[in-house]
């Protein structure tokens, strides 16, 4: 996805440790989806995902995953919820 779903997946993948370059590539692949006509055709390579990555990158943390976790904490997601997500997806 390239809109809300894509942003949500990007945040989840970043939390799980996916690299920034892989996040951008994954987002750009959406432009090749066979039913692309329903998607905003004004997507630029990297598009808004680069803005989201830049925003996440401003949070404290030694890694992009930690920065993403700190973003989530700042909007009300609890550490327990973050730990549970990581446990579900990484175990």
PDB file of N, CA and C in Angstrom:
ATOM      1  N   UNK A   1       0.803  -1.189   0.000  1.00  0.00           N
ATOM      2  CA  UNK A   1       0.000   0.000   0.000  1.00  0.00           C
ATOM      3  C   UNK A   1       0.845   1.250   0.000  1.00  0.00           C
ATOM      4  N   UNK A   2       0.286   2.317  -0.462  1.00  0.00           N
ATOM      5  CA  UNK A   2       1.033   3.569  -0.532  1.00  0.00           C
ATOM      6  C   UNK A   2       0.410   4.678   0.306  1.00  0.00           C
ATOM      7  N   UNK A   3      -0.718   4.428   0.904  1.00  0.00           N
ATOM      8  CA  UNK A   3      -1.373   5.463   1.687  1.00  0.00           C
ATOM      9  C   UNK A   3      -1.354   5.050   3.163  1.00  0.00           C
ATOM     10  N   UNK A   4      -2.514   4.995   3.798  1.00  0.00           N
ATOM     11  CA  UNK A   4      -2.561   4.647   5.223  1.00  0.00           C
ATOM     12  C   UNK A   4      -2.021   3.253   5.490  1.00  0.00           C
ATOM     13  N   UNK A   5      -2.430   2.298   4.688  1.00  0.00           N
ATOM     14  CA  UNK A   5      -1.957   0.927   4.906  1.00  0.00           C
ATOM     15  C   UNK A   5      -0.443   0.843   4.739  1.00  0.00           C
ATOM     16  N   UNK A   6       0.073   1.500   3.707  1.00  0.00           N
ATOM     17  CA  UNK A   6       1.514   1.486   3.475  1.00  0.00           C
ATOM     18  C   UNK A   6       2.282   2.157   4.599  1.00  0.00           C
ATOM     19  N   UNK A   7       1.743   3.246   5.124  1.00  0.00           N
ATOM     20  CA  UNK A   7       2.398   3.933   6.242  1.00  0.00           C
ATOM     21  C   UNK A   7       2.402   3.061   7.491  1.00  0.00           C
ATOM     22  N   UNK A   8       1.286   2.379   7.728  1.00  0.00           N
ATOM     23  CA  UNK A   8       1.193   1.498   8.887  1.00  0.00           C
ATOM     24  C   UNK A   8       2.180   0.345   8.774  1.00  0.00           C
ATOM     25  N   UNK A   9       2.259  -0.245   7.604  1.00  0.00           N
ATOM     26  CA  UNK A   9       3.192  -1.353   7.386  1.00  0.00           C
ATOM     27  C   UNK A   9       4.624  -0.854   7.526  1.00  0.00           C
ATOM     28  N   UNK A  10       4.913   0.332   6.995  1.00  0.00           N
ATOM     29  CA  UNK A  10       6.259   0.883   7.127  1.00  0.00           C
ATOM     30  C   UNK A  10       6.635   1.025   8.600  1.00  0.00           C
ATOM     31  N   UNK A  11       5.745   1.558   9.414  1.00  0.00           N
ATOM     32  CA  UNK A  11       6.024   1.734  10.840  1.00  0.00           C
ATOM     33  C   UNK A  11       6.244   0.380  11.503  1.00  0.00           C
ATOM     34  N   UNK A  12       5.410  -0.599  11.187  1.00  0.00           N
ATOM     35  CA  UNK A  12       5.570  -1.931  11.762  1.00  0.00           C
ATOM     36  C   UNK A  12       6.897  -2.555  11.336  1.00  0.00           C
ATOM     37  N   UNK A  13       7.217  -2.488  10.047  1.00  0.00           N
ATOM     38  CA  UNK A  13       8.470  -3.069   9.569  1.00  0.00           C
ATOM     39  C   UNK A  13       9.673  -2.349  10.172  1.00  0.00           C
ATOM     40  N   UNK A  14       9.594  -1.026  10.306  1.00  0.00           N
ATOM     41  CA  UNK A  14      10.687  -0.272  10.923  1.00  0.00           C
ATOM     42  C   UNK A  14      10.867  -0.705  12.376  1.00  0.00           C
ATOM     43  N   UNK A  15       9.775  -0.878  13.090  1.00  0.00           N
ATOM     44  CA  UNK A  15       9.815  -1.331  14.474  1.00  0.00           C
ATOM     45  C   UNK A  15      10.498  -2.689  14.585  1.00  0.00           C
ATOM     46  N   UNK A  16      10.310  -3.524  13.569  1.00  0.00           N
ATOM     47  CA  UNK A  16      10.865  -4.880  13.578  1.00  0.00           C
ATOM     48  C   UNK A  16      12.297  -4.942  13.059  1.00  0.00           C
ATOM     49  N   UNK A  17      12.841  -3.791  12.620  1.00  0.00           N
ATOM     50  CA  UNK A  17      14.240  -3.755  12.237  1.00  0.00           C
ATOM     51  C   UNK A  17      14.549  -3.760  10.755  1.00  0.00           C
ATOM     52  N   UNK A  18      13.549  -3.591   9.902  1.00  0.00           N
ATOM     53  CA  UNK A  18      13.793  -3.527   8.454  1.00  0.00           C
ATOM     54  C   UNK A  18      14.562  -2.237   8.150  1.00  0.00           C
ATOM     55  N   UNK A  19      15.546  -2.317   7.265  1.00  0.00           N
ATOM     56  CA  UNK A  19      16.376  -1.148   6.946  1.00  0.00           C
ATOM     57  C   UNK A  19      15.574  -0.080   6.213  1.00  0.00           C
ATOM     58  N   UNK A  20      16.051   1.155   6.319  1.00  0.00           N
ATOM     59  CA  UNK A  20      15.375   2.265   5.635  1.00  0.00           C
ATOM     60  C   UNK A  20      15.332   2.040   4.126  1.00  0.00           C
ATOM     61  N   UNK A  21      16.424   1.564   3.542  1.00  0.00           N
ATOM     62  CA  UNK A  21      16.436   1.364   2.082  1.00  0.00           C
ATOM     63  C   UNK A  21      15.439   0.282   1.668  1.00  0.00           C
ATOM     64  N   UNK A  22      15.301  -0.771   2.466  1.00  0.00           N
ATOM     65  CA  UNK A  22      14.304  -1.798   2.150  1.00  0.00           C
ATOM     66  C   UNK A  22      12.886  -1.275   2.323  1.00  0.00           C
ATOM     67  N   UNK A  23      12.682  -0.399   3.288  1.00  0.00           N
ATOM     68  CA  UNK A  23      11.355   0.200   3.480  1.00  0.00           C
ATOM     69  C   UNK A  23      10.947   1.020   2.261  1.00  0.00           C
ATOM     70  N   UNK A  24      11.885   1.803   1.737  1.00  0.00           N
ATOM     71  CA  UNK A  24      11.591   2.616   0.552  1.00  0.00           C
ATOM     72  C   UNK A  24      11.315   1.716  -0.641  1.00  0.00           C
ATOM     73  N   UNK A  25      12.129   0.682  -0.827  1.00  0.00           N
ATOM     74  CA  UNK A  25      11.923  -0.239  -1.965  1.00  0.00           C
ATOM     75  C   UNK A  25      10.574  -0.938  -1.882  1.00  0.00           C
ATOM     76  N   UNK A  26      10.194  -1.368  -0.693  1.00  0.00           N
ATOM     77  CA  UNK A  26       8.913  -2.040  -0.508  1.00  0.00           C
ATOM     78  C   UNK A  26       7.769  -1.105  -0.874  1.00  0.00           C
ATOM     79  N   UNK A  27       7.857   0.137  -0.442  1.00  0.00           N
ATOM     80  CA  UNK A  27       6.835   1.140  -0.747  1.00  0.00           C
ATOM     81  C   UNK A  27       6.744   1.384  -2.254  1.00  0.00           C
ATOM     82  N   UNK A  28       7.902   1.516  -2.905  1.00  0.00           N
ATOM     83  CA  UNK A  28       7.914   1.801  -4.339  1.00  0.00           C
ATOM     84  C   UNK A  28       7.346   0.648  -5.159  1.00  0.00           C
ATOM     85  N   UNK A  29       7.459  -0.583  -4.658  1.00  0.00           N
ATOM     86  CA  UNK A  29       6.900  -1.728  -5.382  1.00  0.00           C
ATOM     87  C   UNK A  29       5.390  -1.607  -5.562  1.00  0.00           C
ATOM     88  N   UNK A  30       4.740  -0.873  -4.675  1.00  0.00           N
ATOM     89  CA  UNK A  30       3.288  -0.691  -4.788  1.00  0.00           C
ATOM     90  C   UNK A  30       2.904  -0.027  -6.106  1.00  0.00           C
ATOM     91  N   UNK A  31       3.816   0.750  -6.665  1.00  0.00           N
ATOM     92  CA  UNK A  31       3.532   1.438  -7.927  1.00  0.00           C
ATOM     93  C   UNK A  31       3.387   0.456  -9.090  1.00  0.00           C
ATOM     94  N   UNK A  32       3.864  -0.771  -8.904  1.00  0.00           N
ATOM     95  CA  UNK A  32       3.787  -1.762  -9.976  1.00  0.00           C
ATOM     96  C   UNK A  32       2.606  -2.709  -9.815  1.00  0.00           C
ATOM     97  N   UNK A  33       1.802  -2.499  -8.795  1.00  0.00           N
ATOM     98  CA  UNK A  33       0.641  -3.347  -8.543  1.00  0.00           C
ATOM     99  C   UNK A  33      -0.292  -3.309  -9.748  1.00  0.00           C
ATOM    100  N   UNK A  34      -0.821  -4.460 -10.161  1.00  0.00           N
ATOM    101  CA  UNK A  34      -1.612  -4.539 -11.394  1.00  0.00           C
ATOM    102  C   UNK A  34      -2.901  -3.734 -11.348  1.00  0.00           C
ATOM    103  N   UNK A  35      -3.430  -3.457 -10.177  1.00  0.00           N
ATOM    104  CA  UNK A  35      -4.661  -2.679 -10.059  1.00  0.00           C
ATOM    105  C   UNK A  35      -4.334  -1.272  -9.557  1.00  0.00           C
ATOM    106  N   UNK A  36      -3.315  -0.692 -10.110  1.00  0.00           N
ATOM    107  CA  UNK A  36      -2.770   0.580  -9.648  1.00  0.00           C
ATOM    108  C   UNK A  36      -3.710   1.759  -9.891  1.00  0.00           C
ATOM    109  N   UNK A  37      -4.718   1.590 -10.735  1.00  0.00           N
ATOM    110  CA  UNK A  37      -5.569   2.730 -11.096  1.00  0.00           C
ATOM    111  C   UNK A  37      -6.302   3.345  -9.912  1.00  0.00           C
ATOM    112  N   UNK A  38      -6.503   2.572  -8.828  1.00  0.00           N
ATOM    113  CA  UNK A  38      -7.197   3.132  -7.673  1.00  0.00           C
ATOM    114  C   UNK A  38      -6.260   3.919  -6.755  1.00  0.00           C
ATOM    115  N   UNK A  39      -4.963   3.875  -7.029  1.00  0.00           N
ATOM    116  CA  UNK A  39      -3.972   4.522  -6.175  1.00  0.00           C
ATOM    117  C   UNK A  39      -3.628   5.899  -6.737  1.00  0.00           C
ATOM    118  N   UNK A  40      -3.235   6.791  -5.874  1.00  0.00           N
ATOM    119  CA  UNK A  40      -2.813   8.129  -6.288  1.00  0.00           C
ATOM    120  C   UNK A  40      -1.675   8.027  -7.297  1.00  0.00           C
ATOM    121  N   UNK A  41      -1.895   8.474  -8.506  1.00  0.00           N
ATOM    122  CA  UNK A  41      -0.892   8.362  -9.564  1.00  0.00           C
ATOM    123  C   UNK A  41       0.199   9.430  -9.465  1.00  0.00           C
ATOM    124  N   UNK A  42       0.123  10.294  -8.474  1.00  0.00           N
ATOM    125  CA  UNK A  42       1.139  11.326  -8.315  1.00  0.00           C
ATOM    126  C   UNK A  42       2.296  10.861  -7.430  1.00  0.00           C
ATOM    127  N   UNK A  43       2.414   9.552  -7.248  1.00  0.00           N
ATOM    128  CA  UNK A  43       3.483   9.018  -6.410  1.00  0.00           C
ATOM    129  C   UNK A  43       4.825   9.279  -7.088  1.00  0.00           C
ATOM    130  N   UNK A  44       5.727   9.824  -6.328  1.00  0.00           N
ATOM    131  CA  UNK A  44       7.091  10.022  -6.813  1.00  0.00           C
ATOM    132  C   UNK A  44       7.916   8.904  -6.163  1.00  0.00           C
ATOM    133  N   UNK A  45       8.956   8.420  -6.820  1.00  0.00           N
ATOM    134  CA  UNK A  45       9.752   7.370  -6.185  1.00  0.00           C
ATOM    135  C   UNK A  45      10.150   7.780  -4.770  1.00  0.00           C
ATOM    136  N   UNK A  46       9.772   6.972  -3.824  1.00  0.00           N
ATOM    137  CA  UNK A  46      10.042   7.292  -2.422  1.00  0.00           C
ATOM    138  C   UNK A  46       8.969   8.149  -1.808  1.00  0.00           C
ATOM    139  N   UNK A  47       8.386   9.035  -2.601  1.00  0.00           N
ATOM    140  CA  UNK A  47       7.276   9.905  -2.227  1.00  0.00           C
ATOM    141  C   UNK A  47       7.157  10.240  -0.757  1.00  0.00           C
ATOM    142  N   UNK A  48       5.954  10.163  -0.242  1.00  0.00           N
ATOM    143  CA  UNK A  48       5.681  10.526   1.142  1.00  0.00           C
ATOM    144  C   UNK A  48       6.361   9.610   2.138  1.00  0.00           C
ATOM    145  N   UNK A  49       6.748   8.439   1.691  1.00  0.00           N
ATOM    146  CA  UNK A  49       7.420   7.524   2.605  1.00  0.00           C
ATOM    147  C   UNK A  49       8.733   8.142   3.087  1.00  0.00           C
ATOM    148  N   UNK A  50       9.388   8.921   2.246  1.00  0.00           N
ATOM    149  CA  UNK A  50      10.627   9.573   2.663  1.00  0.00           C
ATOM    150  C   UNK A  50      10.359  10.597   3.757  1.00  0.00           C
ATOM    151  N   UNK A  51       9.231  11.287   3.668  1.00  0.00           N
ATOM    152  CA  UNK A  51       8.854  12.242   4.711  1.00  0.00           C
ATOM    153  C   UNK A  51       8.579  11.516   6.026  1.00  0.00           C
ATOM    154  N   UNK A  52       7.901  10.378   5.952  1.00  0.00           N
ATOM    155  CA  UNK A  52       7.614   9.593   7.152  1.00  0.00           C
ATOM    156  C   UNK A  52       8.912   9.077   7.765  1.00  0.00           C
ATOM    157  N   UNK A  53       9.813   8.570   6.942  1.00  0.00           N
ATOM    158  CA  UNK A  53      11.102   8.081   7.432  1.00  0.00           C
ATOM    159  C   UNK A  53      11.885   9.216   8.083  1.00  0.00           C
ATOM    160  N   UNK A  54      11.897  10.384   7.456  1.00  0.00           N
ATOM    161  CA  UNK A  54      12.588  11.541   8.044  1.00  0.00           C
ATOM    162  C   UNK A  54      11.982  11.913   9.395  1.00  0.00           C
ATOM    163  N   UNK A  55      10.662  11.847   9.483  1.00  0.00           N
ATOM    164  CA  UNK A  55       9.992  12.183  10.750  1.00  0.00           C
ATOM    165  C   UNK A  55      10.368  11.181  11.840  1.00  0.00           C
ATOM    166  N   UNK A  56      10.338   9.895  11.508  1.00  0.00           N
ATOM    167  CA  UNK A  56      10.704   8.869  12.487  1.00  0.00           C
ATOM    168  C   UNK A  56      12.163   9.003  12.899  1.00  0.00           C
ATOM    169  N   UNK A  57      13.010   9.365  11.958  1.00  0.00           N
ATOM    170  CA  UNK A  57      14.450   9.458  12.192  1.00  0.00           C
ATOM    171  C   UNK A  57      14.819  10.558  13.186  1.00  0.00           C
ATOM    172  N   UNK A  58      13.910  11.477  13.465  1.00  0.00           N
ATOM    173  CA  UNK A  58      14.184  12.580  14.393  1.00  0.00           C
ATOM    174  C   UNK A  58      14.030  12.175  15.857  1.00  0.00           C
ATOM    175  N   UNK A  59      13.468  11.010  16.100  1.00  0.00           N
ATOM    176  CA  UNK A  59      13.290  10.551  17.477  1.00  0.00           C
ATOM    177  C   UNK A  59      14.601   9.968  18.003  1.00  0.00           C
ATOM    178  N   UNK A  60      14.768   9.991  19.314  1.00  0.00           N
ATOM    179  CA  UNK A  60      15.963   9.431  19.936  1.00  0.00           C
ATOM    180  C   UNK A  60      16.022   7.932  19.724  1.00  0.00           C
ATOM    181  N   UNK A  61      17.239   7.419  19.648  1.00  0.00           N
ATOM    182  CA  UNK A  61      17.447   5.984  19.518  1.00  0.00           C
ATOM    183  C   UNK A  61      18.727   5.693  18.768  1.00  0.00           C
ATOM    184  N   UNK A  62      19.343   4.563  19.091  1.00  0.00           N
ATOM    185  CA  UNK A  62      20.577   4.164  18.428  1.00  0.00           C
ATOM    186  C   UNK A  62      20.327   3.490  17.091  1.00  0.00           C
ATOM    187  N   UNK A  63      19.122   3.028  16.882  1.00  0.00           N
ATOM    188  CA  UNK A  63      18.777   2.370  15.612  1.00  0.00           C
ATOM    189  C   UNK A  63      17.448   2.942  15.122  1.00  0.00           C
ATOM    190  N   UNK A  64      17.151   2.691  13.851  1.00  0.00           N
ATOM    191  CA  UNK A  64      15.882   3.162  13.306  1.00  0.00           C
ATOM    192  C   UNK A  64      14.711   2.466  14.003  1.00  0.00           C
ATOM    193  N   UNK A  65      14.897   1.208  14.386  1.00  0.00           N
ATOM    194  CA  UNK A  65      13.853   0.478  15.116  1.00  0.00           C
ATOM    195  C   UNK A  65      13.581   1.143  16.472  1.00  0.00           C
ATOM    196  N   UNK A  66      14.649   1.564  17.173  1.00  0.00           N
ATOM    197  CA  UNK A  66      14.463   2.243  18.459  1.00  0.00           C
ATOM    198  C   UNK A  66      13.791   3.601  18.275  1.00  0.00           C
ATOM    199  N   UNK A  67      14.171   4.315  17.227  1.00  0.00           N
ATOM    200  CA  UNK A  67      13.553   5.607  16.945  1.00  0.00           C
ATOM    201  C   UNK A  67      12.066   5.433  16.669  1.00  0.00           C
ATOM    202  N   UNK A  68      11.727   4.385  15.921  1.00  0.00           N
ATOM    203  CA  UNK A  68      10.320   4.103  15.622  1.00  0.00           C
ATOM    204  C   UNK A  68       9.565   3.746  16.893  1.00  0.00           C
ATOM    205  N   UNK A  69      10.183   2.957  17.757  1.00  0.00           N
ATOM    206  CA  UNK A  69       9.559   2.611  19.040  1.00  0.00           C
ATOM    207  C   UNK A  69       9.308   3.881  19.861  1.00  0.00           C
ATOM    208  N   UNK A  70      10.262   4.801  19.865  1.00  0.00           N
ATOM    209  CA  UNK A  70      10.084   6.045  20.622  1.00  0.00           C
ATOM    210  C   UNK A  70       8.980   6.910  20.026  1.00  0.00           C
ATOM    211  N   UNK A  71       8.845   6.885  18.705  1.00  0.00           N
ATOM    212  CA  UNK A  71       7.715   7.577  18.082  1.00  0.00           C
ATOM    213  C   UNK A  71       6.402   6.970  18.574  1.00  0.00           C
ATOM    214  N   UNK A  72       6.315   5.645  18.528  1.00  0.00           N
ATOM    215  CA  UNK A  72       5.082   4.982  18.959  1.00  0.00           C
ATOM    216  C   UNK A  72       4.775   5.285  20.421  1.00  0.00           C
ATOM    217  N   UNK A  73       5.797   5.279  21.269  1.00  0.00           N
ATOM    218  CA  UNK A  73       5.591   5.619  22.680  1.00  0.00           C
ATOM    219  C   UNK A  73       5.060   7.042  22.830  1.00  0.00           C
ATOM    220  N   UNK A  74       5.534   7.944  21.962  1.00  0.00           N
ATOM    221  CA  UNK A  74       5.109   9.343  22.056  1.00  0.00           C
ATOM    222  C   UNK A  74       3.649   9.550  21.662  1.00  0.00           C
ATOM    223  N   UNK A  75       3.077   8.593  20.937  1.00  0.00           N
ATOM    224  CA  UNK A  75       1.674   8.746  20.535  1.00  0.00           C
ATOM    225  C   UNK A  75       0.742   7.839  21.331  1.00  0.00           C
ATOM    226  N   UNK A  76       1.271   7.244  22.411  1.00  0.00           N
ATOM    227  CA  UNK A  76       0.406   6.502  23.313  1.00  0.00           C
ATOM    228  C   UNK A  76       0.478   4.982  23.239  1.00  0.00           C
ATOM    229  N   UNK A  77       1.267   4.446  22.341  1.00  0.00           N
ATOM    230  CA  UNK A  77       1.459   2.995  22.314  1.00  0.00           C
ATOM    231  C   UNK A  77       2.337   2.649  23.515  1.00  0.00           C
ATOM    232  N   UNK A  78       2.004   1.602  24.241  1.00  0.00           N
ATOM    233  CA  UNK A  78       2.774   1.252  25.435  1.00  0.00           C
ATOM    234  C   UNK A  78       3.967   0.361  25.072  1.00  0.00           C
ATOM    235  N   UNK A  79       4.951   0.330  25.983  1.00  0.00           N
ATOM    236  CA  UNK A  79       6.111  -0.537  25.764  1.00  0.00           C
ATOM    237  C   UNK A  79       5.675  -1.998  25.712  1.00  0.00           C
ATOM    238  N   UNK A  80       4.683  -2.355  26.513  1.00  0.00           N
ATOM    239  CA  UNK A  80       4.179  -3.733  26.499  1.00  0.00           C
ATOM    240  C   UNK A  80       3.599  -4.079  25.124  1.00  0.00           C
ATOM    241  N   UNK A  81       2.862  -3.152  24.521  1.00  0.00           N
ATOM    242  CA  UNK A  81       2.301  -3.386  23.193  1.00  0.00           C
ATOM    243  C   UNK A  81       3.414  -3.529  22.142  1.00  0.00           C
ATOM    244  N   UNK A  82       4.446  -2.699  22.260  1.00  0.00           N
ATOM    245  CA  UNK A  82       5.584  -2.793  21.337  1.00  0.00           C
ATOM    246  C   UNK A  82       6.272  -4.146  21.497  1.00  0.00           C
ATOM    247  N   UNK A  83       6.505  -4.542  22.741  1.00  0.00           N
ATOM    248  CA  UNK A  83       7.146  -5.836  23.008  1.00  0.00           C
ATOM    249  C   UNK A  83       6.305  -6.991  22.474  1.00  0.00           C
ATOM    250  N   UNK A  84       4.989  -6.881  22.624  1.00  0.00           N
ATOM    251  CA  UNK A  84       4.089  -7.932  22.131  1.00  0.00           C
ATOM    252  C   UNK A  84       4.146  -8.023  20.612  1.00  0.00           C
ATOM    253  N   UNK A  85       4.132  -6.885  19.927  1.00  0.00           N
ATOM    254  CA  UNK A  85       4.252  -6.893  18.464  1.00  0.00           C
ATOM    255  C   UNK A  85       5.545  -7.565  18.029  1.00  0.00           C
ATOM    256  N   UNK A  86       6.637  -7.195  18.667  1.00  0.00           N
ATOM    257  CA  UNK A  86       7.928  -7.801  18.313  1.00  0.00           C
ATOM    258  C   UNK A  86       7.920  -9.295  18.585  1.00  0.00           C
ATOM    259  N   UNK A  87       7.340  -9.687  19.684  1.00  0.00           N
ATOM    260  CA  UNK A  87       7.282 -11.119  20.016  1.00  0.00           C
ATOM    261  C   UNK A  87       6.459 -11.881  18.983  1.00  0.00           C
ATOM    262  N   UNK A  88       5.315 -11.346  18.610  1.00  0.00           N
ATOM    263  CA  UNK A  88       4.450 -12.011  17.632  1.00  0.00           C
ATOM    264  C   UNK A  88       5.138 -12.166  16.291  1.00  0.00           C
ATOM    265  N   UNK A  89       5.787 -11.100  15.822  1.00  0.00           N
ATOM    266  CA  UNK A  89       6.337 -11.119  14.459  1.00  0.00           C
ATOM    267  C   UNK A  89       7.747 -11.677  14.371  1.00  0.00           C
ATOM    268  N   UNK A  90       8.486 -11.670  15.458  1.00  0.00           N
ATOM    269  CA  UNK A  90       9.886 -12.093  15.384  1.00  0.00           C
ATOM    270  C   UNK A  90      10.151 -13.462  16.004  1.00  0.00           C
ATOM    271  N   UNK A  91       9.159 -14.078  16.573  1.00  0.00           N
ATOM    272  CA  UNK A  91       9.361 -15.409  17.194  1.00  0.00           C
ATOM    273  C   UNK A  91       9.031 -16.512  16.224  1.00  0.00           C
TER     274      UNK A  91
END
